[in-house]
């Protein structure tokens, strides 16, 4: 993403990318976690908002409606480390499809995330 009108638009575009990724994976359940409460509230309210992000949220809402089960949950920033690391790495790397094989820079974050889940 070369340019974004504001932070909320960037968050909405990240959400759209995540929903597209879930579609590509042929998921039938979608649980969206975001540390941005405005994103979660907007999606829980049917994607309705005003401003630069309105069209992106509208797309996200209708794309999410294609999943039989959808939940939007707010989480704290600490629980969202992988998303922030991907955003940081993406600023300085070429665009590529890493659906089959994650970028080496985030593998340790993914392993730690799964370890935390499995140890609970």
C-alpha atoms as a PDB file:
ATOM      1  CA  UNK A   1       0.000   0.000   0.000  1.00  0.00           C
ATOM      2  CA  UNK A   2       1.740   3.151  -1.175  1.00  0.00           C
ATOM      3  CA  UNK A   3      -0.581   5.738   0.326  1.00  0.00           C
ATOM      4  CA  UNK A   4      -3.507   5.834   2.698  1.00  0.00           C
ATOM      5  CA  UNK A   5      -5.797   8.717   3.638  1.00  0.00           C
ATOM      6  CA  UNK A   6      -5.646   7.970   7.370  1.00  0.00           C
ATOM      7  CA  UNK A   7      -4.975   5.281   9.957  1.00  0.00           C
ATOM      8  CA  UNK A   8      -8.545   3.985   9.900  1.00  0.00           C
ATOM      9  CA  UNK A   9      -8.362   3.467   6.128  1.00  0.00           C
ATOM     10  CA  UNK A  10      -5.102   1.543   6.567  1.00  0.00           C
ATOM     11  CA  UNK A  11      -6.751  -0.633   9.223  1.00  0.00           C
ATOM     12  CA  UNK A  12      -9.771  -1.210   6.959  1.00  0.00           C
ATOM     13  CA  UNK A  13      -7.518  -2.189   4.059  1.00  0.00           C
ATOM     14  CA  UNK A  14      -5.658  -4.626   6.322  1.00  0.00           C
ATOM     15  CA  UNK A  15      -9.009  -6.112   7.328  1.00  0.00           C
ATOM     16  CA  UNK A  16      -9.975  -6.456   3.672  1.00  0.00           C
ATOM     17  CA  UNK A  17      -6.680  -8.219   2.943  1.00  0.00           C
ATOM     18  CA  UNK A  18      -7.290 -10.614   5.844  1.00  0.00           C
ATOM     19  CA  UNK A  19     -10.784 -11.449   4.644  1.00  0.00           C
ATOM     20  CA  UNK A  20      -9.442 -12.088   1.142  1.00  0.00           C
ATOM     21  CA  UNK A  21      -6.798 -14.377   2.653  1.00  0.00           C
ATOM     22  CA  UNK A  22      -9.493 -16.307   4.553  1.00  0.00           C
ATOM     23  CA  UNK A  23     -11.456 -16.653   1.304  1.00  0.00           C
ATOM     24  CA  UNK A  24      -8.342 -17.909  -0.468  1.00  0.00           C
ATOM     25  CA  UNK A  25      -7.830 -20.476   2.303  1.00  0.00           C
ATOM     26  CA  UNK A  26     -11.460 -21.528   1.792  1.00  0.00           C
ATOM     27  CA  UNK A  27     -12.244 -20.954   5.448  1.00  0.00           C
ATOM     28  CA  UNK A  28     -15.843 -21.312   6.498  1.00  0.00           C
ATOM     29  CA  UNK A  29     -15.431 -19.482   9.799  1.00  0.00           C
ATOM     30  CA  UNK A  30     -14.046 -16.019  10.253  1.00  0.00           C
ATOM     31  CA  UNK A  31     -12.927 -14.617  13.597  1.00  0.00           C
ATOM     32  CA  UNK A  32     -11.409 -11.171  13.233  1.00  0.00           C
ATOM     33  CA  UNK A  33      -9.258  -9.865  16.071  1.00  0.00           C
ATOM     34  CA  UNK A  34      -8.163  -6.244  16.002  1.00  0.00           C
ATOM     35  CA  UNK A  35      -6.634  -3.916  18.543  1.00  0.00           C
ATOM     36  CA  UNK A  36      -8.497  -1.065  16.844  1.00  0.00           C
ATOM     37  CA  UNK A  37     -11.845  -0.751  18.604  1.00  0.00           C
ATOM     38  CA  UNK A  38     -13.235   1.504  15.867  1.00  0.00           C
ATOM     39  CA  UNK A  39     -12.687  -1.262  13.281  1.00  0.00           C
ATOM     40  CA  UNK A  40     -14.480  -3.822  15.451  1.00  0.00           C
ATOM     41  CA  UNK A  41     -17.365  -1.496  16.292  1.00  0.00           C
ATOM     42  CA  UNK A  42     -17.777  -0.493  12.642  1.00  0.00           C
ATOM     43  CA  UNK A  43     -17.959  -4.095  11.486  1.00  0.00           C
ATOM     44  CA  UNK A  44     -20.359  -5.051  14.273  1.00  0.00           C
ATOM     45  CA  UNK A  45     -22.572  -2.188  13.074  1.00  0.00           C
ATOM     46  CA  UNK A  46     -22.808  -3.481   9.511  1.00  0.00           C
ATOM     47  CA  UNK A  47     -19.704  -1.747   8.179  1.00  0.00           C
ATOM     48  CA  UNK A  48     -21.406   1.647   8.297  1.00  0.00           C
ATOM     49  CA  UNK A  49     -19.072   4.586   8.774  1.00  0.00           C
ATOM     50  CA  UNK A  50     -18.228   7.909   7.196  1.00  0.00           C
ATOM     51  CA  UNK A  51     -14.957   9.236   5.891  1.00  0.00           C
ATOM     52  CA  UNK A  52     -12.223   7.895   3.675  1.00  0.00           C
ATOM     53  CA  UNK A  53     -12.583   4.304   4.912  1.00  0.00           C
ATOM     54  CA  UNK A  54     -16.339   4.004   4.283  1.00  0.00           C
ATOM     55  CA  UNK A  55     -16.111   2.174   0.949  1.00  0.00           C
ATOM     56  CA  UNK A  56     -13.468  -0.244   2.243  1.00  0.00           C
ATOM     57  CA  UNK A  57     -15.549  -1.106   5.314  1.00  0.00           C
ATOM     58  CA  UNK A  58     -18.570  -1.615   3.071  1.00  0.00           C
ATOM     59  CA  UNK A  59     -16.563  -4.105   0.972  1.00  0.00           C
ATOM     60  CA  UNK A  60     -15.337  -5.857   4.119  1.00  0.00           C
ATOM     61  CA  UNK A  61     -18.833  -6.208   5.513  1.00  0.00           C
ATOM     62  CA  UNK A  62     -20.264  -7.767   2.366  1.00  0.00           C
ATOM     63  CA  UNK A  63     -17.245 -10.041   1.911  1.00  0.00           C
ATOM     64  CA  UNK A  64     -17.610 -11.195   5.532  1.00  0.00           C
ATOM     65  CA  UNK A  65     -21.281 -12.002   4.913  1.00  0.00           C
ATOM     66  CA  UNK A  66     -20.137 -14.841   2.629  1.00  0.00           C
ATOM     67  CA  UNK A  67     -18.841 -16.777   5.659  1.00  0.00           C
ATOM     68  CA  UNK A  68     -21.341 -18.947   7.567  1.00  0.00           C
ATOM     69  CA  UNK A  69     -19.809 -17.886  10.900  1.00  0.00           C
ATOM     70  CA  UNK A  70     -18.272 -14.446  11.503  1.00  0.00           C
ATOM     71  CA  UNK A  71     -17.148 -12.837  14.758  1.00  0.00           C
ATOM     72  CA  UNK A  72     -15.409  -9.522  15.309  1.00  0.00           C
ATOM     73  CA  UNK A  73     -13.457  -9.290  18.560  1.00  0.00           C
ATOM     74  CA  UNK A  74     -11.397  -6.536  20.108  1.00  0.00           C
ATOM     75  CA  UNK A  75      -8.035  -7.617  21.515  1.00  0.00           C
ATOM     76  CA  UNK A  76      -5.222  -5.698  23.136  1.00  0.00           C
ATOM     77  CA  UNK A  77      -2.116  -4.751  21.177  1.00  0.00           C
ATOM     78  CA  UNK A  78      -0.002  -7.375  22.944  1.00  0.00           C
ATOM     79  CA  UNK A  79      -2.218 -10.129  21.500  1.00  0.00           C
ATOM     80  CA  UNK A  80      -1.743  -8.717  18.007  1.00  0.00           C
ATOM     81  CA  UNK A  81       2.067  -8.913  17.684  1.00  0.00           C
ATOM     82  CA  UNK A  82       2.090 -10.867  14.432  1.00  0.00           C
ATOM     83  CA  UNK A  83      -0.044  -8.320  12.604  1.00  0.00           C
ATOM     84  CA  UNK A  84       2.233  -5.493  13.686  1.00  0.00           C
ATOM     85  CA  UNK A  85       5.361  -7.410  12.738  1.00  0.00           C
ATOM     86  CA  UNK A  86       3.937  -8.207   9.298  1.00  0.00           C
ATOM     87  CA  UNK A  87       3.128  -4.520   8.791  1.00  0.00           C
ATOM     88  CA  UNK A  88       6.655  -3.534   9.854  1.00  0.00           C
ATOM     89  CA  UNK A  89       8.310  -6.104   7.585  1.00  0.00           C
ATOM     90  CA  UNK A  90       6.015  -5.279   4.651  1.00  0.00           C
ATOM     91  CA  UNK A  91       7.237  -1.674   4.630  1.00  0.00           C
ATOM     92  CA  UNK A  92      10.712  -2.812   3.653  1.00  0.00           C
ATOM     93  CA  UNK A  93      10.158  -5.881   1.493  1.00  0.00           C
ATOM     94  CA  UNK A  94       8.901  -6.617  -1.977  1.00  0.00           C
ATOM     95  CA  UNK A  95       5.291  -7.544  -2.505  1.00  0.00           C
ATOM     96  CA  UNK A  96       4.793 -11.266  -2.913  1.00  0.00           C
ATOM     97  CA  UNK A  97       2.293 -13.978  -2.237  1.00  0.00           C
ATOM     98  CA  UNK A  98       3.406 -15.869   0.852  1.00  0.00           C
ATOM     99  CA  UNK A  99       0.239 -17.858   1.368  1.00  0.00           C
ATOM    100  CA  UNK A 100       2.029 -21.206   1.071  1.00  0.00           C
ATOM    101  CA  UNK A 101       5.213 -20.186   2.891  1.00  0.00           C
ATOM    102  CA  UNK A 102       5.353 -17.331   5.436  1.00  0.00           C
ATOM    103  CA  UNK A 103       8.105 -14.741   5.303  1.00  0.00           C
ATOM    104  CA  UNK A 104      11.113 -15.923   7.302  1.00  0.00           C
ATOM    105  CA  UNK A 105      11.036 -12.690   9.338  1.00  0.00           C
ATOM    106  CA  UNK A 106       7.721 -13.660  10.968  1.00  0.00           C
ATOM    107  CA  UNK A 107       8.145 -17.427  11.462  1.00  0.00           C
ATOM    108  CA  UNK A 108       9.338 -17.047  15.079  1.00  0.00           C
ATOM    109  CA  UNK A 109       6.360 -14.820  15.881  1.00  0.00           C
ATOM    110  CA  UNK A 110       4.018 -17.422  14.385  1.00  0.00           C
ATOM    111  CA  UNK A 111       5.655 -20.238  16.359  1.00  0.00           C
ATOM    112  CA  UNK A 112       5.442 -18.254  19.608  1.00  0.00           C
ATOM    113  CA  UNK A 113       1.805 -17.413  18.920  1.00  0.00           C
ATOM    114  CA  UNK A 114       0.864 -21.061  18.383  1.00  0.00           C
ATOM    115  CA  UNK A 115       2.902 -22.132  21.421  1.00  0.00           C
ATOM    116  CA  UNK A 116       0.989 -19.698  23.629  1.00  0.00           C
ATOM    117  CA  UNK A 117      -2.341 -21.061  22.361  1.00  0.00           C
ATOM    118  CA  UNK A 118      -1.385 -24.729  22.746  1.00  0.00           C
ATOM    119  CA  UNK A 119       0.025 -24.281  26.253  1.00  0.00           C
ATOM    120  CA  UNK A 120      -3.198 -22.839  27.650  1.00  0.00           C
END
